[in-house]
Amino acid sequence: MSDLIDFRKIARNISLIENREKGYEELLIRKPVKSAPVIGITGAPGAGKSTLTDALIAEMVKDGKQIAVLCVDPSSPFTRGAVLGDRIRMSEWYTHPGVFIRSLASRGSLGGLHPQILAIAEYLKTEPFDYIIIETVGVGQSEVDIAALADVTVVVLVPESGDSIQSMKAGLMEIADLFVVNKADRPDADLFYNNLKKMVGPVYKKHEDMLPVFKTVASERKGADRLYEYLKHMSVKELTGERKELLVQKAFTILQEIMMERVDEQKFRKEFFEAFKAGDDNIFRFAREYADKLKRL
């Protein structure tokens, strides 16, 4: 393992990025220390994503690696903070000098990710981590956002998924670089595993030399070693047309956020209500004229 990383500094910097505080952009334009692969772990609630992440961390630590883990949890409707604390679910690692764990609230994001997750992941690449793991909130079928962010996307399923796979949106199935059938000690796990291999096999012809569907019992850390060995040789995802489109959408969102920083909300509110009071109740015209005025500044 390399020199210890200053986790306190990293935690403070992530908070700056989360809250978009002054100076946060300086953290994002730094050159990455290394090309640390980003591993996205997604799937339906109850599939055992956190337990699988815990098992993967154990394998990586055994291999002398330093890992950053971002766990995106559901948001509290009152505080907007994370409802679940992954430091509890991964209690073995939260004081480990080679593992940095941060819980983030999804803040209502439909993609199962924190709104600033892209920026946070890019920042973590500027720190000397060997792997960056992102576990999504598990909101179901809308988690395709992870495909733009992760170099390797792991979709976790359980034997009970059964026929529900047939009704899954194509997006969730297509984003996977590999599948994990967790809780594989349950009844009918082998049947489910074989059916899943038949279903996704044609999509993964380029990986004929490696098994794209894994069986694990993450609670006992069974199968995590084979999964990790596979991940070690699958560190960089091919930049497909689909992922390029997702990335450009993310970049466009960042551009919008940067442009919006030019807008003084209080001034905007004041001018809007003044225009409204003067009889201009066309909000679209007001917004267009306000945007044109900003362009002239």
C-alpha atoms as a PDB file:
ATOM      1  CA  MET A   1       0.000   0.000   0.000  1.00  0.00           C
ATOM      2  CA  SER A   2       1.279   3.465  -0.849  1.00  0.00           C
ATOM      3  CA  ASP A   3       1.494   6.436   1.500  1.00  0.00           C
ATOM      4  CA  LEU A   4      -1.581   7.156   3.555  1.00  0.00           C
ATOM      5  CA  ILE A   5      -4.077   9.580   2.074  1.00  0.00           C
ATOM      6  CA  ASP A   6      -5.368  12.580   4.021  1.00  0.00           C
ATOM      7  CA  PHE A   7      -8.994  11.508   4.404  1.00  0.00           C
ATOM      8  CA  ARG A   8      -9.955  14.588   6.423  1.00  0.00           C
ATOM      9  CA  LYS A   9      -8.820  16.862   3.620  1.00  0.00           C
ATOM     10  CA  ILE A  10     -10.725  14.764   1.081  1.00  0.00           C
ATOM     11  CA  ALA A  11     -13.892  14.878   3.185  1.00  0.00           C
ATOM     12  CA  ARG A  12     -13.662  18.672   3.450  1.00  0.00           C
ATOM     13  CA  ASN A  13     -13.110  19.010  -0.290  1.00  0.00           C
ATOM     14  CA  ILE A  14     -16.083  16.793  -1.094  1.00  0.00           C
ATOM     15  CA  SER A  15     -18.238  18.982   1.130  1.00  0.00           C
ATOM     16  CA  LEU A  16     -17.056  22.020  -0.827  1.00  0.00           C
ATOM     17  CA  ILE A  17     -18.051  20.336  -4.077  1.00  0.00           C
ATOM     18  CA  GLU A  18     -21.386  19.087  -2.690  1.00  0.00           C
ATOM     19  CA  ASN A  19     -22.367  22.579  -1.659  1.00  0.00           C
ATOM     20  CA  ARG A  20     -20.703  24.300  -4.628  1.00  0.00           C
ATOM     21  CA  GLU A  21     -18.822  26.606  -2.293  1.00  0.00           C
ATOM     22  CA  LYS A  22     -16.271  29.136  -3.442  1.00  0.00           C
ATOM     23  CA  GLY A  23     -13.122  27.505  -4.790  1.00  0.00           C
ATOM     24  CA  TYR A  24     -14.660  24.108  -5.513  1.00  0.00           C
ATOM     25  CA  GLU A  25     -13.944  24.377  -9.238  1.00  0.00           C
ATOM     26  CA  GLU A  26     -10.218  24.633  -8.542  1.00  0.00           C
ATOM     27  CA  LEU A  27     -10.412  21.117  -7.136  1.00  0.00           C
ATOM     28  CA  LEU A  28     -11.932  19.804 -10.350  1.00  0.00           C
ATOM     29  CA  ILE A  29      -9.510  21.174 -12.912  1.00  0.00           C
ATOM     30  CA  ARG A  30      -6.471  19.547 -11.354  1.00  0.00           C
ATOM     31  CA  LYS A  31      -4.765  16.784 -13.301  1.00  0.00           C
ATOM     32  CA  PRO A  32      -5.673  13.264 -12.099  1.00  0.00           C
ATOM     33  CA  VAL A  33      -2.969  11.494 -10.116  1.00  0.00           C
ATOM     34  CA  LYS A  34      -3.713   8.179 -11.816  1.00  0.00           C
ATOM     35  CA  SER A  35      -6.371   6.675 -14.039  1.00  0.00           C
ATOM     36  CA  ALA A  36      -8.260   5.008 -11.196  1.00  0.00           C
ATOM     37  CA  PRO A  37     -11.122   2.944 -12.623  1.00  0.00           C
ATOM     38  CA  VAL A  38     -14.599   3.848 -11.438  1.00  0.00           C
ATOM     39  CA  ILE A  39     -16.712   0.799 -10.588  1.00  0.00           C
ATOM     40  CA  GLY A  40     -20.454   1.417 -10.466  1.00  0.00           C
ATOM     41  CA  ILE A  41     -22.580  -1.010  -8.476  1.00  0.00           C
ATOM     42  CA  THR A  42     -26.304  -0.813  -9.110  1.00  0.00           C
ATOM     43  CA  GLY A  43     -29.436  -2.898  -8.914  1.00  0.00           C
ATOM     44  CA  ALA A  44     -32.805  -3.069  -7.202  1.00  0.00           C
ATOM     45  CA  PRO A  45     -33.186  -2.412  -3.454  1.00  0.00           C
ATOM     46  CA  GLY A  46     -32.442  -5.498  -1.375  1.00  0.00           C
ATOM     47  CA  ALA A  47     -30.122  -7.094  -3.926  1.00  0.00           C
ATOM     48  CA  GLY A  48     -27.188  -6.821  -1.520  1.00  0.00           C
ATOM     49  CA  LYS A  49     -25.230  -4.017  -3.191  1.00  0.00           C
ATOM     50  CA  SER A  50     -23.717  -2.771   0.062  1.00  0.00           C
ATOM     51  CA  THR A  51     -22.795  -6.279   1.181  1.00  0.00           C
ATOM     52  CA  LEU A  52     -21.196  -6.975  -2.196  1.00  0.00           C
ATOM     53  CA  THR A  53     -19.300  -3.688  -1.982  1.00  0.00           C
ATOM     54  CA  ASP A  54     -18.088  -4.707   1.468  1.00  0.00           C
ATOM     55  CA  ALA A  55     -16.837  -8.030   0.080  1.00  0.00           C
ATOM     56  CA  LEU A  56     -15.087  -6.307  -2.839  1.00  0.00           C
ATOM     57  CA  ILE A  57     -13.367  -3.894  -0.475  1.00  0.00           C
ATOM     58  CA  ALA A  58     -12.034  -6.879   1.476  1.00  0.00           C
ATOM     59  CA  GLU A  59     -10.488  -8.328  -1.697  1.00  0.00           C
ATOM     60  CA  MET A  60      -8.966  -4.988  -2.720  1.00  0.00           C
ATOM     61  CA  VAL A  61      -7.512  -4.347   0.727  1.00  0.00           C
ATOM     62  CA  LYS A  62      -6.040  -7.847   0.700  1.00  0.00           C
ATOM     63  CA  ASP A  63      -4.409  -6.862  -2.595  1.00  0.00           C
ATOM     64  CA  GLY A  64      -2.866  -3.753  -1.011  1.00  0.00           C
ATOM     65  CA  LYS A  65      -5.109  -1.265  -2.810  1.00  0.00           C
ATOM     66  CA  GLN A  66      -6.481   2.051  -1.596  1.00  0.00           C
ATOM     67  CA  ILE A  67     -10.159   2.567  -2.290  1.00  0.00           C
ATOM     68  CA  ALA A  68     -12.645   5.428  -2.278  1.00  0.00           C
ATOM     69  CA  VAL A  69     -16.274   4.411  -1.836  1.00  0.00           C
ATOM     70  CA  LEU A  70     -19.215   6.702  -2.549  1.00  0.00           C
ATOM     71  CA  CYS A  71     -22.495   5.298  -1.273  1.00  0.00           C
ATOM     72  CA  VAL A  72     -25.549   7.153  -2.511  1.00  0.00           C
ATOM     73  CA  ASP A  73     -28.463   6.782  -0.116  1.00  0.00           C
ATOM     74  CA  PRO A  74     -32.090   7.914  -0.177  1.00  0.00           C
ATOM     75  CA  SER A  75     -32.632  11.498   0.991  1.00  0.00           C
ATOM     76  CA  SER A  76     -34.472  12.536   4.098  1.00  0.00           C
ATOM     77  CA  PRO A  77     -37.550  14.530   3.042  1.00  0.00           C
ATOM     78  CA  PHE A  78     -36.788  16.970   5.849  1.00  0.00           C
ATOM     79  CA  THR A  79     -33.012  17.501   5.895  1.00  0.00           C
ATOM     80  CA  ARG A  80     -32.187  16.302   2.333  1.00  0.00           C
ATOM     81  CA  GLY A  81     -29.353  14.334   3.964  1.00  0.00           C
ATOM     82  CA  ALA A  82     -28.615  10.623   3.589  1.00  0.00           C
ATOM     83  CA  VAL A  83     -31.138   8.420   5.389  1.00  0.00           C
ATOM     84  CA  LEU A  84     -28.862   5.399   5.641  1.00  0.00           C
ATOM     85  CA  GLY A  85     -25.282   5.483   6.887  1.00  0.00           C
ATOM     86  CA  ASP A  86     -22.962   3.184   4.978  1.00  0.00           C
ATOM     87  CA  ARG A  87     -20.339   3.578   7.688  1.00  0.00           C
ATOM     88  CA  ILE A  88     -22.704   1.349   9.697  1.00  0.00           C
ATOM     89  CA  ARG A  89     -23.199  -1.181   6.909  1.00  0.00           C
ATOM     90  CA  MET A  90     -19.446  -1.257   6.195  1.00  0.00           C
ATOM     91  CA  SER A  91     -18.324  -0.799   9.774  1.00  0.00           C
ATOM     92  CA  GLU A  92     -15.216  -2.933   9.316  1.00  0.00           C
ATOM     93  CA  TRP A  93     -13.682  -0.360   6.970  1.00  0.00           C
ATOM     94  CA  TYR A  94     -14.607   3.086   8.216  1.00  0.00           C
ATOM     95  CA  THR A  95     -11.427   3.368  10.303  1.00  0.00           C
ATOM     96  CA  HIS A  96      -9.219   1.482   7.856  1.00  0.00           C
ATOM     97  CA  PRO A  97      -6.336   3.671   6.604  1.00  0.00           C
ATOM     98  CA  GLY A  98      -6.742   2.418   3.032  1.00  0.00           C
ATOM     99  CA  VAL A  99     -10.505   2.862   2.657  1.00  0.00           C
ATOM    100  CA  PHE A 100     -12.352   6.163   2.351  1.00  0.00           C
ATOM    101  CA  ILE A 101     -16.146   5.877   2.613  1.00  0.00           C
ATOM    102  CA  ARG A 102     -18.551   8.743   2.066  1.00  0.00           C
ATOM    103  CA  SER A 103     -22.341   8.569   2.192  1.00  0.00           C
ATOM    104  CA  LEU A 104     -24.130  10.978  -0.131  1.00  0.00           C
ATOM    105  CA  ALA A 105     -27.824  11.788  -0.328  1.00  0.00           C
ATOM    106  CA  SER A 106     -29.498  11.286  -3.700  1.00  0.00           C
ATOM    107  CA  ARG A 107     -31.440  14.525  -3.027  1.00  0.00           C
ATOM    108  CA  GLY A 108     -34.324  13.274  -5.105  1.00  0.00           C
ATOM    109  CA  SER A 109     -32.270  12.470  -8.199  1.00  0.00           C
ATOM    110  CA  LEU A 110     -34.180  10.011 -10.407  1.00  0.00           C
ATOM    111  CA  GLY A 111     -30.980   8.431 -11.640  1.00  0.00           C
ATOM    112  CA  GLY A 112     -30.150   7.096  -8.199  1.00  0.00           C
ATOM    113  CA  LEU A 113     -27.080   9.326  -7.945  1.00  0.00           C
ATOM    114  CA  HIS A 114     -26.113  12.489  -6.099  1.00  0.00           C
ATOM    115  CA  PRO A 115     -26.435  15.613  -8.328  1.00  0.00           C
ATOM    116  CA  GLN A 116     -22.723  16.353  -7.866  1.00  0.00           C
ATOM    117  CA  ILE A 117     -21.535  12.754  -8.191  1.00  0.00           C
ATOM    118  CA  LEU A 118     -19.709  13.357 -11.479  1.00  0.00           C
ATOM    119  CA  ALA A 119     -17.749  16.237  -9.994  1.00  0.00           C
ATOM    120  CA  ILE A 120     -16.964  14.293  -6.812  1.00  0.00           C
ATOM    121  CA  ALA A 121     -15.753  11.270  -8.778  1.00  0.00           C
ATOM    122  CA  GLU A 122     -13.552  13.466 -10.971  1.00  0.00           C
ATOM    123  CA  TYR A 123     -12.079  15.057  -7.862  1.00  0.00           C
ATOM    124  CA  LEU A 124     -11.304  11.645  -6.315  1.00  0.00           C
ATOM    125  CA  LYS A 125      -9.264  10.831  -9.413  1.00  0.00           C
ATOM    126  CA  THR A 126      -6.891  13.620  -8.359  1.00  0.00           C
ATOM    127  CA  GLU A 127      -6.161  11.700  -5.152  1.00  0.00           C
ATOM    128  CA  PRO A 128      -3.987   8.555  -5.179  1.00  0.00           C
ATOM    129  CA  PHE A 129      -6.746   5.934  -4.998  1.00  0.00           C
ATOM    130  CA  ASP A 130      -6.464   2.653  -6.870  1.00  0.00           C
ATOM    131  CA  TYR A 131     -10.213   2.165  -7.247  1.00  0.00           C
ATOM    132  CA  ILE A 132     -13.304   4.333  -6.910  1.00  0.00           C
ATOM    133  CA  ILE A 133     -16.500   2.433  -6.122  1.00  0.00           C
ATOM    134  CA  ILE A 134     -19.906   4.073  -6.476  1.00  0.00           C
ATOM    135  CA  GLU A 135     -22.947   2.310  -5.082  1.00  0.00           C
ATOM    136  CA  THR A 136     -26.260   3.741  -6.269  1.00  0.00           C
ATOM    137  CA  VAL A 137     -29.353   4.207  -4.150  1.00  0.00           C
ATOM    138  CA  GLY A 138     -31.220   1.377  -5.855  1.00  0.00           C
ATOM    139  CA  VAL A 139     -34.268   3.240  -7.086  1.00  0.00           C
ATOM    140  CA  GLY A 140     -34.982   0.608  -9.722  1.00  0.00           C
ATOM    141  CA  GLN A 141     -34.945   0.985 -13.472  1.00  0.00           C
ATOM    142  CA  SER A 142     -33.863   4.606 -13.910  1.00  0.00           C
ATOM    143  CA  GLU A 143     -30.245   4.195 -12.838  1.00  0.00           C
ATOM    144  CA  VAL A 144     -28.723   4.517 -16.287  1.00  0.00           C
ATOM    145  CA  ASP A 145     -26.840   7.632 -15.136  1.00  0.00           C
ATOM    146  CA  ILE A 146     -24.186   5.332 -13.702  1.00  0.00           C
ATOM    147  CA  ALA A 147     -23.250   4.215 -17.232  1.00  0.00           C
ATOM    148  CA  ALA A 148     -21.859   7.650 -18.064  1.00  0.00           C
ATOM    149  CA  LEU A 149     -19.866   7.810 -14.873  1.00  0.00           C
ATOM    150  CA  ALA A 150     -18.459   4.310 -14.361  1.00  0.00           C
ATOM    151  CA  ASP A 151     -15.745   2.539 -16.302  1.00  0.00           C
ATOM    152  CA  VAL A 152     -17.306  -0.748 -15.230  1.00  0.00           C
ATOM    153  CA  THR A 153     -20.982  -1.079 -14.346  1.00  0.00           C
ATOM    154  CA  VAL A 154     -21.998  -4.024 -12.158  1.00  0.00           C
ATOM    155  CA  VAL A 155     -25.712  -4.857 -12.029  1.00  0.00           C
ATOM    156  CA  VAL A 156     -26.599  -6.919  -8.954  1.00  0.00           C
ATOM    157  CA  LEU A 157     -29.563  -9.307  -9.078  1.00  0.00           C
ATOM    158  CA  VAL A 158     -30.971 -11.974  -6.767  1.00  0.00           C
ATOM    159  CA  PRO A 159     -32.582 -15.337  -7.643  1.00  0.00           C
ATOM    160  CA  GLU A 160     -36.000 -13.997  -6.668  1.00  0.00           C
ATOM    161  CA  SER A 161     -35.778 -11.495  -9.512  1.00  0.00           C
ATOM    162  CA  GLY A 162     -37.129 -14.281 -11.727  1.00  0.00           C
ATOM    163  CA  ASP A 163     -39.552 -13.130 -14.381  1.00  0.00           C
ATOM    164  CA  SER A 164     -39.140  -9.503 -13.311  1.00  0.00           C
ATOM    165  CA  ILE A 165     -36.014  -9.407 -15.482  1.00  0.00           C
ATOM    166  CA  GLN A 166     -38.264  -9.755 -18.504  1.00  0.00           C
ATOM    167  CA  SER A 167     -40.078  -6.574 -17.538  1.00  0.00           C
ATOM    168  CA  MET A 168     -37.004  -4.534 -16.707  1.00  0.00           C
ATOM    169  CA  LYS A 169     -36.447  -1.511 -18.859  1.00  0.00           C
ATOM    170  CA  ALA A 170     -33.837  -2.212 -21.507  1.00  0.00           C
ATOM    171  CA  GLY A 171     -31.747   0.669 -20.201  1.00  0.00           C
ATOM    172  CA  LEU A 172     -30.836  -1.030 -16.930  1.00  0.00           C
ATOM    173  CA  MET A 173     -29.929  -4.277 -18.673  1.00  0.00           C
ATOM    174  CA  GLU A 174     -27.913  -2.552 -21.387  1.00  0.00           C
ATOM    175  CA  ILE A 175     -25.741  -0.498 -19.044  1.00  0.00           C
ATOM    176  CA  ALA A 176     -24.234  -3.603 -17.441  1.00  0.00           C
ATOM    177  CA  ASP A 177     -20.678  -4.631 -18.145  1.00  0.00           C
ATOM    178  CA  LEU A 178     -21.308  -7.668 -15.993  1.00  0.00           C
ATOM    179  CA  PHE A 179     -24.032  -9.162 -13.835  1.00  0.00           C
ATOM    180  CA  VAL A 180     -23.780 -10.554 -10.331  1.00  0.00           C
ATOM    181  CA  VAL A 181     -26.334 -13.027  -9.039  1.00  0.00           C
ATOM    182  CA  ASN A 182     -26.017 -12.394  -5.322  1.00  0.00           C
ATOM    183  CA  LYS A 183     -27.468 -14.588  -2.556  1.00  0.00           C
ATOM    184  CA  ALA A 184     -26.651 -17.524  -4.810  1.00  0.00           C
ATOM    185  CA  ASP A 185     -27.159 -19.994  -1.961  1.00  0.00           C
ATOM    186  CA  ARG A 186     -30.912 -19.524  -2.225  1.00  0.00           C
ATOM    187  CA  PRO A 187     -33.255 -22.004  -3.936  1.00  0.00           C
ATOM    188  CA  ASP A 188     -33.373 -21.897  -7.742  1.00  0.00           C
ATOM    189  CA  ALA A 189     -30.220 -19.743  -7.873  1.00  0.00           C
ATOM    190  CA  ASP A 190     -28.574 -22.045 -10.418  1.00  0.00           C
ATOM    191  CA  LEU A 191     -31.642 -21.987 -12.665  1.00  0.00           C
ATOM    192  CA  PHE A 192     -31.813 -18.210 -12.497  1.00  0.00           C
ATOM    193  CA  TYR A 193     -28.059 -17.938 -13.154  1.00  0.00           C
ATOM    194  CA  ASN A 194     -28.253 -20.161 -16.248  1.00  0.00           C
ATOM    195  CA  ASN A 195     -31.310 -18.346 -17.624  1.00  0.00           C
ATOM    196  CA  LEU A 196     -29.617 -14.987 -17.124  1.00  0.00           C
ATOM    197  CA  LYS A 197     -26.503 -16.198 -18.966  1.00  0.00           C
ATOM    198  CA  LYS A 198     -28.636 -17.287 -21.896  1.00  0.00           C
ATOM    199  CA  MET A 199     -30.427 -13.948 -21.942  1.00  0.00           C
ATOM    200  CA  VAL A 200     -27.348 -11.706 -21.876  1.00  0.00           C
ATOM    201  CA  GLY A 201     -24.908 -14.028 -23.626  1.00  0.00           C
ATOM    202  CA  PRO A 202     -25.410 -12.664 -27.166  1.00  0.00           C
ATOM    203  CA  VAL A 203     -24.734  -9.138 -25.925  1.00  0.00           C
ATOM    204  CA  TYR A 204     -21.373 -10.111 -24.485  1.00  0.00           C
ATOM    205  CA  LYS A 205     -19.739 -11.970 -27.359  1.00  0.00           C
ATOM    206  CA  LYS A 206     -16.706  -9.709 -27.015  1.00  0.00           C
ATOM    207  CA  HIS A 207     -16.127 -11.238 -23.559  1.00  0.00           C
ATOM    208  CA  GLU A 208     -16.269 -14.891 -24.584  1.00  0.00           C
ATOM    209  CA  ASP A 209     -13.020 -15.543 -22.724  1.00  0.00           C
ATOM    210  CA  MET A 210     -14.457 -14.269 -19.468  1.00  0.00           C
ATOM    211  CA  LEU A 211     -17.673 -14.986 -17.606  1.00  0.00           C
ATOM    212  CA  PRO A 212     -19.967 -11.918 -17.618  1.00  0.00           C
ATOM    213  CA  VAL A 213     -22.345 -13.375 -15.012  1.00  0.00           C
ATOM    214  CA  PHE A 214     -21.029 -14.152 -11.545  1.00  0.00           C
ATOM    215  CA  LYS A 215     -22.532 -15.940  -8.566  1.00  0.00           C
ATOM    216  CA  THR A 216     -21.800 -14.578  -5.096  1.00  0.00           C
ATOM    217  CA  VAL A 217     -22.905 -14.990  -1.528  1.00  0.00           C
ATOM    218  CA  ALA A 218     -21.677 -11.584  -0.474  1.00  0.00           C
ATOM    219  CA  SER A 219     -22.719 -11.969   3.160  1.00  0.00           C
ATOM    220  CA  GLU A 220     -20.153 -14.779   3.403  1.00  0.00           C
ATOM    221  CA  ARG A 221     -17.797 -13.102   0.885  1.00  0.00           C
ATOM    222  CA  LYS A 222     -18.065 -16.100  -1.403  1.00  0.00           C
ATOM    223  CA  GLY A 223     -17.364 -15.391  -5.067  1.00  0.00           C
ATOM    224  CA  ALA A 224     -16.026 -11.892  -4.447  1.00  0.00           C
ATOM    225  CA  ASP A 225     -12.474 -13.047  -5.190  1.00  0.00           C
ATOM    226  CA  ARG A 226     -13.401 -14.188  -8.729  1.00  0.00           C
ATOM    227  CA  LEU A 227     -15.342 -10.976  -9.303  1.00  0.00           C
ATOM    228  CA  TYR A 228     -12.361  -8.884  -8.240  1.00  0.00           C
ATOM    229  CA  GLU A 229      -9.988 -10.815 -10.487  1.00  0.00           C
ATOM    230  CA  TYR A 230     -12.302 -10.072 -13.405  1.00  0.00           C
ATOM    231  CA  LEU A 231     -12.559  -6.382 -12.506  1.00  0.00           C
ATOM    232  CA  LYS A 232      -8.777  -6.074 -12.368  1.00  0.00           C
ATOM    233  CA  HIS A 233      -8.633  -6.926 -16.074  1.00  0.00           C
ATOM    234  CA  MET A 234     -11.630  -4.820 -17.049  1.00  0.00           C
ATOM    235  CA  SER A 235     -10.577  -1.420 -15.771  1.00  0.00           C
ATOM    236  CA  VAL A 236     -11.447   0.802 -18.735  1.00  0.00           C
ATOM    237  CA  LYS A 237     -14.769   0.777 -20.548  1.00  0.00           C
ATOM    238  CA  GLU A 238     -14.808   1.233 -24.296  1.00  0.00           C
ATOM    239  CA  LEU A 239     -16.074   4.722 -25.114  1.00  0.00           C
ATOM    240  CA  THR A 240     -19.168   3.649 -27.034  1.00  0.00           C
ATOM    241  CA  GLY A 241     -21.527   5.969 -28.865  1.00  0.00           C
ATOM    242  CA  GLU A 242     -24.070   5.571 -26.064  1.00  0.00           C
ATOM    243  CA  ARG A 243     -21.591   6.520 -23.383  1.00  0.00           C
ATOM    244  CA  LYS A 244     -20.326   9.461 -25.412  1.00  0.00           C
ATOM    245  CA  GLU A 245     -23.894  10.760 -25.580  1.00  0.00           C
ATOM    246  CA  LEU A 246     -24.345  10.335 -21.824  1.00  0.00           C
ATOM    247  CA  LEU A 247     -21.060  12.120 -21.171  1.00  0.00           C
ATOM    248  CA  VAL A 248     -21.903  15.063 -23.424  1.00  0.00           C
ATOM    249  CA  GLN A 249     -25.239  15.373 -21.622  1.00  0.00           C
ATOM    250  CA  LYS A 250     -23.369  15.523 -18.314  1.00  0.00           C
ATOM    251  CA  ALA A 251     -20.961  18.104 -19.713  1.00  0.00           C
ATOM    252  CA  PHE A 252     -23.907  20.178 -20.940  1.00  0.00           C
ATOM    253  CA  THR A 253     -25.458  20.030 -17.474  1.00  0.00           C
ATOM    254  CA  ILE A 254     -22.191  21.263 -15.964  1.00  0.00           C
ATOM    255  CA  LEU A 255     -22.112  24.095 -18.503  1.00  0.00           C
ATOM    256  CA  GLN A 256     -25.659  25.069 -17.535  1.00  0.00           C
ATOM    257  CA  GLU A 257     -24.704  25.118 -13.863  1.00  0.00           C
ATOM    258  CA  ILE A 258     -21.666  27.295 -14.572  1.00  0.00           C
ATOM    259  CA  MET A 259     -23.746  29.698 -16.654  1.00  0.00           C
ATOM    260  CA  MET A 260     -26.383  29.911 -13.927  1.00  0.00           C
ATOM    261  CA  GLU A 261     -23.741  31.085 -11.471  1.00  0.00           C
ATOM    262  CA  ARG A 262     -23.868  34.403 -13.327  1.00  0.00           C
ATOM    263  CA  VAL A 263     -27.476  34.863 -12.225  1.00  0.00           C
ATOM    264  CA  ASP A 264     -28.025  36.777  -8.992  1.00  0.00           C
ATOM    265  CA  GLU A 265     -31.199  35.124  -7.744  1.00  0.00           C
ATOM    266  CA  GLN A 266     -32.259  38.030  -5.535  1.00  0.00           C
ATOM    267  CA  LYS A 267     -31.774  40.513  -8.363  1.00  0.00           C
ATOM    268  CA  PHE A 268     -33.644  38.200 -10.720  1.00  0.00           C
ATOM    269  CA  ARG A 269     -36.566  37.946  -8.290  1.00  0.00           C
ATOM    270  CA  LYS A 270     -36.699  41.709  -7.838  1.00  0.00           C
ATOM    271  CA  GLU A 271     -36.729  42.436 -11.575  1.00  0.00           C
ATOM    272  CA  PHE A 272     -39.277  39.697 -12.213  1.00  0.00           C
ATOM    273  CA  PHE A 273     -41.758  41.055  -9.698  1.00  0.00           C
ATOM    274  CA  GLU A 274     -41.208  44.594 -10.947  1.00  0.00           C
ATOM    275  CA  ALA A 275     -42.012  43.454 -14.496  1.00  0.00           C
ATOM    276  CA  PHE A 276     -44.991  41.452 -13.260  1.00  0.00           C
ATOM    277  CA  LYS A 277     -46.316  44.449 -11.339  1.00  0.00           C
ATOM    278  CA  ALA A 278     -45.932  46.570 -14.480  1.00  0.00           C
ATOM    279  CA  GLY A 279     -48.238  44.172 -16.330  1.00  0.00           C
ATOM    280  CA  ASP A 280     -45.727  41.875 -18.054  1.00  0.00           C
ATOM    281  CA  ASP A 281     -47.045  38.450 -17.037  1.00  0.00           C
ATOM    282  CA  ASN A 282     -45.366  36.512 -19.853  1.00  0.00           C
ATOM    283  CA  ILE A 283     -42.717  34.612 -17.931  1.00  0.00           C
ATOM    284  CA  PHE A 284     -41.202  33.090 -21.080  1.00  0.00           C
ATOM    285  CA  ARG A 285     -40.633  36.509 -22.638  1.00  0.00           C
ATOM    286  CA  PHE A 286     -39.202  37.814 -19.380  1.00  0.00           C
ATOM    287  CA  ALA A 287     -36.765  34.871 -19.136  1.00  0.00           C
ATOM    288  CA  ARG A 288     -35.665  35.278 -22.774  1.00  0.00           C
ATOM    289  CA  GLU A 289     -35.086  39.023 -22.389  1.00  0.00           C
ATOM    290  CA  TYR A 290     -33.219  38.446 -19.115  1.00  0.00           C
ATOM    291  CA  ALA A 291     -30.993  35.854 -20.817  1.00  0.00           C
ATOM    292  CA  ASP A 292     -30.297  38.234 -23.701  1.00  0.00           C
ATOM    293  CA  LYS A 293     -29.339  40.919 -21.215  1.00  0.00           C
ATOM    294  CA  LEU A 294     -26.881  38.554 -19.506  1.00  0.00           C
ATOM    295  CA  LYS A 295     -25.268  37.783 -22.869  1.00  0.00           C
ATOM    296  CA  ARG A 296     -24.590  41.497 -23.387  1.00  0.00           C
ATOM    297  CA  LEU A 297     -22.830  41.843 -20.041  1.00  0.00           C
END
